[in-house]
Protein backbone atom coordinates (compact mmCIF):
# COMPACT_ATOMS: atom_id res chain seq x y z
CA MET A 1 -22.69 9.82 -53.80
CA ALA A 2 -22.43 6.10 -53.12
CA GLN A 3 -19.58 5.02 -50.91
CA CYS A 4 -17.75 1.70 -50.85
CA LEU A 5 -15.86 0.73 -47.71
CA ILE A 6 -12.81 -1.42 -48.34
CA LYS A 7 -11.47 -3.44 -45.41
CA PRO A 8 -8.05 -4.79 -46.33
CA ASP A 9 -6.79 -7.89 -44.55
CA ILE A 10 -3.11 -7.18 -43.95
CA ASP A 11 -2.44 -10.67 -42.61
CA PHE A 12 -3.94 -12.19 -45.74
CA ALA A 13 -1.79 -10.00 -47.99
CA ARG A 14 1.24 -11.09 -45.96
CA SER A 15 0.28 -14.76 -46.27
CA LEU A 16 0.03 -14.34 -50.04
CA SER A 17 3.53 -12.97 -50.10
CA GLU A 18 4.81 -15.89 -48.02
CA ALA A 19 3.02 -18.36 -50.32
CA GLY A 20 4.90 -17.09 -53.38
CA GLY A 21 3.22 -13.81 -54.33
CA GLU A 22 5.85 -11.45 -52.95
CA SER A 23 6.06 -9.49 -56.22
CA LEU A 24 2.40 -8.39 -56.37
CA LYS A 25 3.13 -4.86 -55.07
CA LYS A 26 4.96 -4.10 -58.32
CA CYS A 27 1.70 -4.22 -60.29
CA TYR A 28 0.49 -0.87 -61.65
CA GLN A 29 -2.61 -2.19 -63.44
CA CYS A 30 -1.49 -1.87 -67.06
CA ALA A 31 -3.70 -4.91 -67.96
CA THR A 32 -0.93 -6.57 -69.98
CA CYS A 33 -1.50 -9.79 -68.04
CA ALA A 34 -5.20 -9.99 -68.88
CA VAL A 35 -4.44 -9.33 -72.56
CA ALA A 36 -1.58 -11.84 -72.63
CA CYS A 37 -3.54 -14.69 -71.06
CA PRO A 38 -4.66 -17.09 -73.80
CA MET A 39 -7.20 -18.69 -71.45
CA ALA A 40 -9.10 -15.70 -70.06
CA PRO A 41 -12.34 -14.97 -71.96
CA ALA A 42 -13.03 -11.39 -73.05
CA ASN A 43 -16.08 -11.07 -70.80
CA ALA A 44 -14.23 -12.33 -67.71
CA PRO A 45 -10.52 -11.47 -68.05
CA TYR A 46 -7.96 -12.39 -65.45
CA PRO A 47 -5.53 -12.01 -63.67
CA ARG A 48 -5.70 -8.20 -63.60
CA LYS A 49 -8.55 -8.00 -61.09
CA GLU A 50 -6.91 -10.68 -58.92
CA MET A 51 -3.76 -8.55 -58.72
CA VAL A 52 -5.82 -5.66 -57.34
CA TRP A 53 -7.62 -7.80 -54.79
CA ALA A 54 -4.36 -9.42 -53.70
CA SER A 55 -2.48 -6.14 -53.27
CA TRP A 56 -5.38 -4.66 -51.31
CA GLY A 57 -5.73 -7.73 -49.11
CA LEU A 58 -9.35 -8.39 -50.14
CA LYS A 59 -9.48 -11.94 -48.83
CA ASP A 60 -13.18 -12.63 -49.40
CA LYS A 61 -13.03 -11.44 -53.01
CA LEU A 62 -9.95 -13.45 -53.90
CA THR A 63 -10.71 -16.72 -52.10
CA SER A 64 -14.22 -16.88 -53.61
CA ASP A 65 -12.95 -16.08 -57.11
CA VAL A 66 -13.47 -18.97 -59.52
CA ASP A 67 -10.84 -17.64 -61.91
CA ILE A 68 -7.85 -18.42 -59.67
CA TRP A 69 -8.59 -22.11 -60.28
CA LEU A 70 -8.92 -21.72 -64.05
CA CYS A 71 -5.40 -20.34 -64.52
CA HIS A 72 -3.11 -23.04 -66.00
CA ASN A 73 0.01 -21.16 -64.89
CA CYS A 74 1.50 -21.05 -68.39
CA GLY A 75 3.46 -17.95 -67.39
CA ASN A 76 2.64 -15.75 -70.40
CA CYS A 77 1.44 -12.99 -68.07
CA SER A 78 4.63 -13.10 -66.01
CA ASP A 79 6.87 -13.23 -69.08
CA LEU A 80 5.22 -10.14 -70.59
CA CYS A 81 4.66 -8.11 -67.40
CA PRO A 82 6.64 -4.84 -67.80
CA ARG A 83 7.03 -4.47 -64.03
CA GLY A 84 8.02 -8.02 -63.10
CA ALA A 85 4.95 -8.44 -60.89
CA ASN A 86 4.69 -12.13 -61.84
CA PRO A 87 0.88 -12.47 -61.91
CA ALA A 88 1.16 -16.24 -62.46
CA ASP A 89 2.91 -16.61 -59.10
CA VAL A 90 0.25 -14.49 -57.41
CA MET A 91 -2.52 -16.68 -58.82
CA SER A 92 -0.67 -19.76 -57.59
CA ALA A 93 -0.17 -18.17 -54.17
CA ALA A 94 -3.89 -17.36 -53.96
CA ARG A 95 -4.73 -21.02 -54.54
CA ASN A 96 -2.17 -22.05 -51.93
CA THR A 97 -3.78 -19.84 -49.30
CA VAL A 98 -7.19 -21.37 -50.04
CA TYR A 99 -5.79 -24.91 -49.56
CA LYS A 100 -4.84 -24.12 -45.98
CA THR A 101 -8.27 -23.24 -44.64
CA LEU A 102 -10.74 -24.74 -47.09
CA THR A 103 -11.23 -27.95 -45.11
CA GLU A 104 -10.98 -29.11 -41.53
CA PRO A 105 -8.76 -29.72 -39.67
CA THR A 106 -7.06 -26.51 -40.77
CA CYS A 107 -4.00 -27.33 -38.64
CA VAL A 108 -3.01 -29.82 -41.36
CA GLY A 109 -3.24 -27.04 -43.93
CA GLU A 110 -0.95 -24.89 -41.80
CA LEU A 111 1.59 -27.70 -41.57
CA MET A 112 1.35 -28.27 -45.32
CA SER A 113 2.07 -24.64 -46.11
CA LYS A 114 5.65 -24.50 -44.82
CA PRO A 115 8.76 -26.70 -44.75
CA GLN A 116 8.83 -26.59 -40.95
CA GLY A 117 5.71 -28.76 -40.90
CA LEU A 118 7.28 -31.55 -42.96
CA PRO A 119 8.88 -33.45 -40.01
CA ILE A 120 5.47 -33.71 -38.31
CA LEU A 121 3.69 -34.71 -41.53
CA PHE A 122 6.30 -37.41 -42.11
CA GLY A 123 6.51 -38.44 -38.47
CA ILE A 124 2.82 -39.33 -38.13
CA PRO A 125 2.76 -42.15 -40.74
CA ALA A 126 6.35 -43.15 -39.88
CA LEU A 127 5.27 -43.81 -36.29
CA LEU A 128 2.03 -45.46 -37.39
CA TRP A 129 3.72 -48.02 -39.65
CA LEU A 130 6.58 -48.55 -37.19
CA ILE A 131 4.03 -49.55 -34.53
CA VAL A 132 2.38 -51.92 -37.02
CA TRP A 133 5.80 -53.39 -37.85
CA TRP A 134 6.63 -53.80 -34.15
CA LEU A 135 3.31 -55.47 -33.33
CA ARG A 136 3.53 -57.86 -36.27
CA ALA A 137 7.14 -58.70 -35.40
CA GLY A 138 5.89 -59.70 -31.97
CA PHE A 139 3.52 -62.21 -33.57
CA ASN A 140 6.44 -63.52 -35.65
CA GLY A 141 8.50 -64.44 -32.62
CA GLY A 142 10.37 -61.13 -32.61
CA THR A 143 11.49 -61.43 -36.24
CA TRP A 144 11.42 -58.05 -37.99
CA PHE A 145 12.76 -59.35 -41.32
CA PRO A 146 11.07 -62.70 -41.96
CA THR A 147 11.72 -64.90 -44.98
CA ARG A 148 10.03 -68.02 -46.27
CA ALA A 149 11.64 -71.46 -46.21
CA ASP A 150 12.86 -71.00 -49.78
CA GLY A 151 14.42 -67.64 -48.92
CA SER A 152 11.73 -65.58 -50.65
CA ILE A 153 10.43 -62.32 -49.19
CA VAL A 154 6.71 -61.67 -48.71
CA PHE A 155 5.92 -58.24 -47.31
CA GLY A 156 2.56 -59.53 -46.09
CA ASP A 157 4.37 -61.64 -43.52
CA ILE A 158 4.97 -58.41 -41.60
CA PHE A 159 2.52 -55.89 -43.06
CA TYR A 160 -0.46 -58.22 -43.14
CA GLY A 161 -3.10 -56.95 -45.55
CA ASP A 162 -6.30 -58.06 -43.83
CA TYR A 163 -5.55 -56.52 -40.44
CA THR A 164 -3.06 -53.74 -41.12
CA ILE A 165 -2.60 -52.37 -44.65
CA ASP A 166 -6.15 -52.71 -46.01
CA PRO A 167 -8.05 -51.30 -42.99
CA ILE A 168 -5.60 -48.43 -42.49
CA PHE A 169 -5.54 -47.40 -46.14
CA MET A 170 -9.29 -47.82 -46.58
CA LEU A 171 -9.90 -45.54 -43.61
CA THR A 172 -7.31 -43.07 -44.90
CA PHE A 173 -8.59 -43.03 -48.47
CA PHE A 174 -12.28 -42.71 -47.69
CA GLY A 175 -11.56 -40.21 -44.92
CA ALA A 176 -9.61 -38.02 -47.34
CA LEU A 177 -12.36 -38.48 -49.93
CA PHE A 178 -14.98 -37.29 -47.44
CA ILE A 179 -12.88 -34.27 -46.43
CA ILE A 180 -12.13 -33.20 -50.00
CA ALA A 181 -15.79 -33.66 -50.95
CA ARG A 182 -16.73 -31.24 -48.16
CA GLY A 183 -14.09 -28.85 -49.42
CA ALA A 184 -15.45 -29.09 -52.98
CA MET A 185 -18.99 -28.34 -51.79
CA LYS A 186 -17.73 -25.40 -49.75
CA LEU A 187 -15.86 -24.09 -52.76
CA TRP A 188 -18.97 -24.41 -54.94
CA LYS A 189 -20.93 -22.30 -52.46
CA MET A 190 -18.15 -19.72 -52.43
CA PHE A 191 -18.33 -19.47 -56.23
CA SER A 192 -22.12 -19.10 -56.32
CA PRO A 193 -23.35 -15.48 -56.07
CA GLU A 194 -26.62 -14.41 -54.53
CA GLY A 195 -29.57 -14.58 -56.91
CA LYS A 196 -29.41 -16.32 -60.29
CA LEU A 197 -26.96 -16.30 -63.17
CA THR A 198 -28.06 -16.24 -66.78
CA VAL A 199 -26.87 -19.22 -68.78
CA VAL A 200 -25.43 -17.94 -72.05
CA GLY A 201 -23.93 -21.18 -73.35
CA GLU A 202 -25.08 -24.67 -74.08
CA LYS A 203 -27.64 -26.00 -71.62
CA LYS A 204 -27.27 -29.62 -70.58
CA CYS A 205 -27.18 -31.78 -67.46
CA TRP A 206 -24.26 -31.10 -65.12
CA VAL A 207 -23.21 -34.75 -65.50
CA TRP A 208 -22.36 -34.18 -69.18
CA HIS A 209 -20.53 -30.97 -68.38
CA LEU A 210 -18.53 -32.92 -65.80
CA TRP A 211 -17.78 -35.61 -68.38
CA ASP A 212 -16.45 -32.95 -70.79
CA VAL A 213 -14.24 -31.50 -68.06
CA LEU A 214 -12.81 -34.87 -67.07
CA VAL A 215 -12.04 -35.86 -70.67
CA GLU A 216 -10.65 -32.51 -71.84
CA GLU A 217 -8.94 -31.28 -68.67
CA VAL A 218 -7.96 -34.35 -66.69
CA ILE A 219 -7.49 -37.26 -69.08
CA PHE A 220 -6.07 -35.40 -72.11
CA ALA A 221 -5.16 -31.95 -70.64
CA THR A 222 -5.99 -30.26 -73.93
CA HIS A 223 -5.94 -26.73 -72.56
CA PHE A 224 -2.22 -26.89 -71.92
CA ASP A 225 -1.97 -26.60 -75.70
CA ASP A 226 -4.03 -23.40 -75.54
CA CYS A 227 -1.47 -22.03 -73.10
CA GLN A 228 1.39 -22.90 -75.42
CA LYS A 229 -0.40 -21.14 -78.30
CA GLY A 230 -0.54 -17.91 -76.33
CA PRO A 231 1.41 -14.72 -77.10
CA LYS A 232 4.95 -15.39 -78.24
CA THR A 233 7.60 -14.40 -75.73
CA GLY A 234 10.58 -15.23 -77.89
CA LYS A 235 11.73 -17.99 -75.53
CA PRO A 236 11.34 -21.71 -76.12
CA GLU A 237 9.38 -23.53 -73.43
CA ALA A 238 8.84 -27.23 -72.97
CA GLY A 239 5.19 -28.23 -73.15
CA ARG A 240 3.51 -29.46 -69.97
CA ARG A 241 0.72 -31.44 -71.55
CA VAL A 242 2.70 -34.63 -72.18
CA GLY A 243 4.19 -34.79 -68.69
CA HIS A 244 0.88 -34.15 -66.95
CA THR A 245 -0.98 -36.60 -69.17
CA ILE A 246 1.54 -39.38 -68.60
CA LEU A 247 1.33 -38.76 -64.86
CA VAL A 248 -2.47 -38.93 -64.84
CA TRP A 249 -2.51 -42.11 -66.91
CA ALA A 250 0.10 -43.63 -64.61
CA PHE A 251 -2.10 -42.95 -61.60
CA CYS A 252 -5.06 -44.47 -63.46
CA ALA A 253 -3.07 -47.63 -64.25
CA LEU A 254 -1.88 -48.01 -60.66
CA ALA A 255 -5.38 -47.32 -59.31
CA PHE A 256 -6.75 -50.00 -61.65
CA VAL A 257 -4.18 -52.51 -60.40
CA THR A 258 -4.97 -51.69 -56.77
CA ALA A 259 -8.70 -52.08 -57.36
CA VAL A 260 -8.29 -55.42 -59.18
CA VAL A 261 -6.00 -56.85 -56.50
CA ALA A 262 -8.33 -55.67 -53.73
CA LEU A 263 -11.33 -57.16 -55.51
CA GLY A 264 -9.48 -60.43 -56.07
CA HIS A 265 -8.30 -60.57 -52.48
CA TRP A 266 -11.54 -59.72 -50.70
CA GLY A 267 -13.93 -60.98 -53.35
CA GLY A 268 -11.97 -64.22 -53.52
CA LYS A 269 -13.01 -64.98 -49.97
CA VAL A 270 -16.59 -65.22 -51.25
CA ILE A 271 -16.00 -66.32 -54.86
CA PRO A 272 -12.85 -68.48 -54.96
CA ALA A 273 -12.73 -68.29 -58.77
CA ILE A 274 -11.68 -64.63 -58.70
CA GLU A 275 -9.17 -64.96 -55.88
CA ILE A 276 -5.83 -63.19 -56.36
CA THR A 277 -2.84 -63.94 -54.16
CA THR A 278 0.19 -61.70 -53.81
CA PRO A 279 3.02 -61.28 -54.58
CA LEU A 280 2.12 -61.67 -58.24
CA LYS A 281 4.43 -63.39 -60.70
CA PRO A 282 6.50 -61.04 -62.91
CA LEU A 283 4.66 -62.11 -66.09
CA ASN A 284 1.20 -61.78 -64.58
CA LEU A 285 -0.85 -59.30 -66.65
CA ILE A 286 -1.80 -57.26 -63.58
CA LYS A 287 1.86 -57.14 -62.53
CA ILE A 288 2.87 -56.00 -66.01
CA ILE A 289 0.29 -53.18 -65.90
CA ALA A 290 1.60 -52.19 -62.46
CA ASN A 291 5.20 -52.05 -63.70
CA VAL A 292 4.24 -50.09 -66.81
CA GLY A 293 2.30 -47.67 -64.60
CA ALA A 294 5.34 -47.25 -62.34
CA LEU A 295 7.56 -46.58 -65.37
CA MET A 296 5.09 -44.00 -66.70
CA LEU A 297 5.04 -42.38 -63.28
CA VAL A 298 8.82 -41.95 -63.32
CA VAL A 299 8.81 -40.62 -66.91
CA GLY A 300 6.06 -38.09 -66.19
CA LEU A 301 7.74 -36.98 -62.98
CA ALA A 302 11.08 -36.58 -64.73
CA MET A 303 9.54 -34.39 -67.43
CA LEU A 304 7.78 -32.13 -64.93
CA THR A 305 10.78 -31.91 -62.61
CA ILE A 306 13.18 -31.03 -65.42
CA ARG A 307 10.76 -28.38 -66.64
CA ARG A 308 10.64 -26.76 -63.22
CA PHE A 309 14.44 -26.67 -62.99
CA MET A 310 14.61 -25.04 -66.44
CA GLU A 311 12.10 -22.28 -65.64
CA ASN A 312 13.22 -18.67 -65.71
CA LYS A 313 13.58 -17.88 -62.00
CA LYS A 314 12.93 -14.18 -62.62
CA THR A 315 9.42 -14.73 -63.93
CA HIS A 316 8.49 -18.21 -62.60
CA THR A 317 8.84 -19.39 -59.04
CA SER A 318 8.22 -22.98 -57.98
CA ASN A 319 6.90 -22.72 -54.44
CA TYR A 320 6.96 -25.19 -51.57
CA TYR A 321 3.60 -26.69 -52.55
CA ASP A 322 5.01 -27.57 -55.98
CA TRP A 323 8.13 -29.25 -54.64
CA TYR A 324 6.30 -31.01 -51.80
CA LEU A 325 3.95 -32.79 -54.21
CA LEU A 326 6.70 -33.69 -56.66
CA GLY A 327 8.88 -34.91 -53.80
CA VAL A 328 6.20 -37.15 -52.29
CA ILE A 329 5.27 -38.68 -55.66
CA TRP A 330 8.96 -39.26 -56.42
CA ALA A 331 9.30 -40.96 -53.05
CA VAL A 332 6.24 -43.15 -53.72
CA ALA A 333 7.52 -44.17 -57.16
CA LEU A 334 11.13 -44.88 -56.19
CA THR A 335 10.36 -46.74 -52.95
CA GLY A 336 7.77 -48.82 -54.80
CA ILE A 337 10.24 -49.74 -57.55
CA PHE A 338 13.18 -50.44 -55.25
CA SER A 339 11.14 -52.46 -52.78
CA GLN A 340 10.29 -54.80 -55.68
CA ILE A 341 13.91 -54.91 -56.86
CA PHE A 342 15.21 -55.72 -53.37
CA ARG A 343 12.47 -58.34 -52.88
CA LEU A 344 13.37 -60.13 -56.11
CA ALA A 345 17.07 -59.90 -55.22
CA GLU A 346 16.24 -61.37 -51.79
CA ALA A 347 17.98 -58.45 -50.05
CA VAL A 348 15.96 -58.87 -46.85
CA GLY A 349 16.89 -55.82 -44.80
CA PRO A 350 16.76 -53.22 -47.62
CA ALA A 351 13.54 -54.75 -49.00
CA PHE A 352 11.58 -54.37 -45.77
CA LEU A 353 13.04 -50.96 -44.94
CA VAL A 354 12.24 -49.53 -48.38
CA TYR A 355 8.75 -51.08 -48.34
CA TYR A 356 8.16 -49.50 -44.92
CA LEU A 357 9.08 -46.10 -46.38
CA HIS A 358 6.83 -46.82 -49.35
CA LEU A 359 3.87 -47.27 -47.00
CA VAL A 360 4.78 -44.02 -45.25
CA PHE A 361 4.88 -41.97 -48.46
CA VAL A 362 1.74 -43.54 -49.95
CA TRP A 363 -0.10 -42.68 -46.73
CA MET A 364 1.18 -39.10 -46.93
CA LEU A 365 0.02 -38.81 -50.54
CA PHE A 366 -3.57 -39.80 -49.74
CA ALA A 367 -4.04 -38.56 -46.17
CA TYR A 368 -2.90 -34.99 -46.93
CA LEU A 369 -4.50 -34.81 -50.37
CA PRO A 370 -7.24 -32.26 -49.45
CA TRP A 371 -4.58 -29.71 -48.40
CA SER A 372 -1.97 -30.43 -51.08
CA LYS A 373 -1.59 -29.34 -54.67
CA LEU A 374 -2.94 -32.75 -55.68
CA GLY A 375 -6.28 -31.53 -54.33
CA HIS A 376 -6.05 -28.90 -57.08
CA LEU A 377 -7.17 -31.64 -59.47
CA VAL A 378 -10.52 -31.79 -57.65
CA TYR A 379 -10.89 -28.08 -56.97
CA ARG A 380 -10.08 -27.07 -60.55
CA THR A 381 -12.62 -29.62 -61.78
CA VAL A 382 -15.25 -28.03 -59.52
CA ALA A 383 -14.38 -24.56 -60.85
CA LEU A 384 -14.51 -25.67 -64.48
CA LEU A 385 -17.83 -27.42 -63.95
CA HIS A 386 -19.22 -24.26 -62.34
CA VAL A 387 -18.27 -21.92 -65.18
CA ARG A 388 -19.35 -24.35 -67.89
CA MET A 389 -22.80 -24.61 -66.39
CA TYR A 390 -23.15 -20.85 -66.88
CA GLY A 391 -21.80 -20.61 -70.41
CA ARG A 392 -18.03 -20.23 -70.05
CA LYS A 393 -15.67 -22.89 -71.30
CA TYR A 394 -12.78 -21.77 -69.08
């Protein structure tokens, strides 16, 4: 008789519980969750098997499972679970545990996983930009809140783009991009089994599969509709597609503005015809796009935040990762908006203080991206690309 030796990882099971999956021990494998999930295909149902692996502490099985990234956390499984095991929370907790150790340095992942790490995560950029402020004030004759002769405020007089903001953020952005790319490649290897898989679906270049994923999942978030069309639970639930889509489009608009301004600033040094100087006038087209993007960001955030507050706490739990990301994006949006308001109102002290905080929160958003739930956008894309290349749509 063949024997299979199971080596449970008790610490991993405990970490899952701490990450939001404390109800997994209630599962008695009735398979209601796998039947209720409108996303799980018949030949690869989830989250029933994930509940087993989680309760047994099978770390290797769960962390290399592509299906934990395909779950859209609609909550149908938790709403219909007869034991209150909340499979959706367990799937979310499994992803959270992968965030912590997927990329180096893992100490950042540990800090990201608990509220106690927040003062350190905030303190690093706060000290960085305070030093920049102090050094630049020294070059301005000790003036921390400079104004022009006409009383106008220009943040670049303290946070000079060429030697402070641009180099620091370029290093931060491309450093985070390199780290998350390594994490994505590691995740791909974890998904790939030994030997070969038979392709049962449409065969085409991975680039076109990636294009389909980006259009359907990222830009238009169409599969949130599939979640909403799942088994009826008798309770009304606000859709997530609109909020997520507005948020993604807002980020795209703000990224476009940043790229255009950077190109105009640096490219203008070589080609004067494309030079862009800041601050931009209120009616400048690029400024209008930036303000519309900021407004969309607030609207999308409000929709997602309200939805989380309205969730049934018995079957849906918003964990620390959820609130951390929402909190940081809220901080980025509000400090960005109010720094502009205070600048236009010529409120010198508040303008510079709020802009300083804006730099801190923007740095946090990008620098910690590989270990935050925002990294989920990349990791889910990798998972979807992987399954589509072997015949599954999701």
